[in-house]
């Protein structure tokens, strides 16, 4: 299969083909690297700085990577899919290699020597000639693919402190909530906390009487308050919420996965192999499910906007895609895209499509009511839980046959799910909340699935990497959406890998084989075998420590990305029964080991929280509105996490942000099944479900 990251890097370069689209050399001695990928707490700014420094042969401390903006950044669509290092990093590497070649050629001509005889030390070739004074005048305008690359890249860079962390550690303004602009007003939008409700009536008299309120804004069913101070906006919004009357939706959303089967569209074959010529002597079938999961960002969404009828619209958002958000805003407002600027500012990590873009549109609509004034709209915790798109509920039914020697001779995987992306800017129909609320608004576009060639959505990682014959993998897409759904970190891979790897363990048990040996027996991919072996060795082969059990999970993310094997170890003394997670990851060439560890460890903790605790429960259609109704992993419940990184300098770099989630879920499920003697196939795996399965 083609390297998806390389193909997407080519797409980025097609939109931004010139060296100057990616690089600039400041006369003060800085290297400015431009990217279309947003810093979400994953450390992408640091990784790109290291890539540029290595390729150019400069000290990484010279490199600055500004925040993404439609004003000057290359259009790289969304920061998603674990593509930032392979795609943006690949484009930056090519741009830097072209700039390095042009400098070496220019210096060689001046010195009358071969370019291959020259080296670059901290951006300088010889006699003080470097990037800042030695490049050809037209260098930045050159197309990257027009430059014959010559000379070697600089040495691999050492450790570089995360560029985004000093401000966070020192409490300096960095997040969108910190943004202050002249004449800033504070806005709050008022909505029913029951999704799908219809506004019937409201009385704004009490809200308007709050000191500091500037205006009550209404456009159709879109209502909100503007005030000079945030506490006044919050107080007025609370009063307005109390004085509104909504009609709830006629049908309450179901709270389990069974309804998916009744609403499925025509099945779609993802893989349909020819039948095997080997006969099965044992067969096994099992069903697994995943609930709705919230992004549950610790900080609720926020957006800032300033509308000037003459100068256009400027927006600040913690969106994962400034260019797609600009397209969506242009569609909703009827403005030309070149009259809209969208700037990225960091917010609380969400890793998927949460309410960030919705808050941005809220701010735009509020700012439109006060031309020339900047407006900041802050969502509440209840707003976030009630109105963000959830990760879809999923149902997986698996079946397989084993021959007399314990080899898999047939494999079947049916999955039911809504689409996994309702991100803005993807279609001609708006997807943001307020677009449907304003007068004359359009119905929200349903979530869809990316094509499997680009990684897939609900069917992501539904095809096992194992050498199984006679595979039948079928997607049953569900168009009916009881609640709003969209992208959540790893999309369908989390549920599919959980189901596949749980089922593989069940097959190993049925055939009386060791789970590690069973997997290796069905794997010819040497890199896959290596991560499984590395994880097993680190966790300790053989009998686990007394009173503890081990469980294994494995996958290659999207079957084209990073490899990950996870081993979970139970511990009866731990609050949730999970004492340790051991991870082995092969992400190709590792640019920033510290960054990879951050991603792997953070992803493992998030996956453990999803697996053991998280589920959106809809009680008569009412979603959770506060943390007690949506528990997440506490610091006291975090297991010990150990990671082994398999660096492969000769291989392309692969993203690691989403590779651990499915393997960790399966590893926990398999460890618990071994420890407690019962298997829970419906996430989350709670004590109550373990006890119910035991009776």
Foldseek 3Di string as FASTA:
>chain_A
DDQLLVVLLVVLCVQVFFLLLAWDADLVGAIEGAAQFACAVLLLQLLLLQLLCQQQQAASVRYDYDFHKPVRHGASFFNADLNSCSRRVVNSSLSSQLLNQQQLVQVCVVVVHDSQVWDAHNQATPPRRGSSHRGPPCRRVDGSVVGDGDDDTHDRDDADPRPPPPCVVVVHDFFPVSDDDPQEKEKEKADDLQPPWAWDDWDQPVLCPQPFWDDWDDFFQTTMTIGRDHVSRVVSNVVRNVGTDIHHDPDFDDFADPCLVVQFDDKDWPDFFDAFPADFPDKDKDKFKAFWFALPFVFFAKKKKAAAPVQAIEIEWQGRGQVLLLLLVCLLVVHDSVRYMYTYTYDGRRNWFFCGSLNHVSQVSVNVVPHGHMYMYGDDLSCRQRATATQKMKMKMKMFGAHPQLATRAIEIEMGIAAAAQDGNPDSAGAHDCQQRGVVHDDHDGHHWDDLVSQIALCRCLDAQFQYHRYTYMYGYGRDDSGGHHHGFLHNNQLNQLVVLLVLLVSCVVSVHDSLVSRVVRHPPVVQNVFSVVQCVVLDDDDHDPLKFKFKTWGAGSNSFKTKIKMWMFDPPAPQRTAEIEMEIEQEADSHPVSLVVLQLVLLQQLLFSQEFAHFGQDSSRTDRDCVRGPGDDPSRGHHYHYHYDYHPVGRGGRRNRRCNNGSNNGVQRRVCVNLVFGDRYPRPYPVSSVVRVD
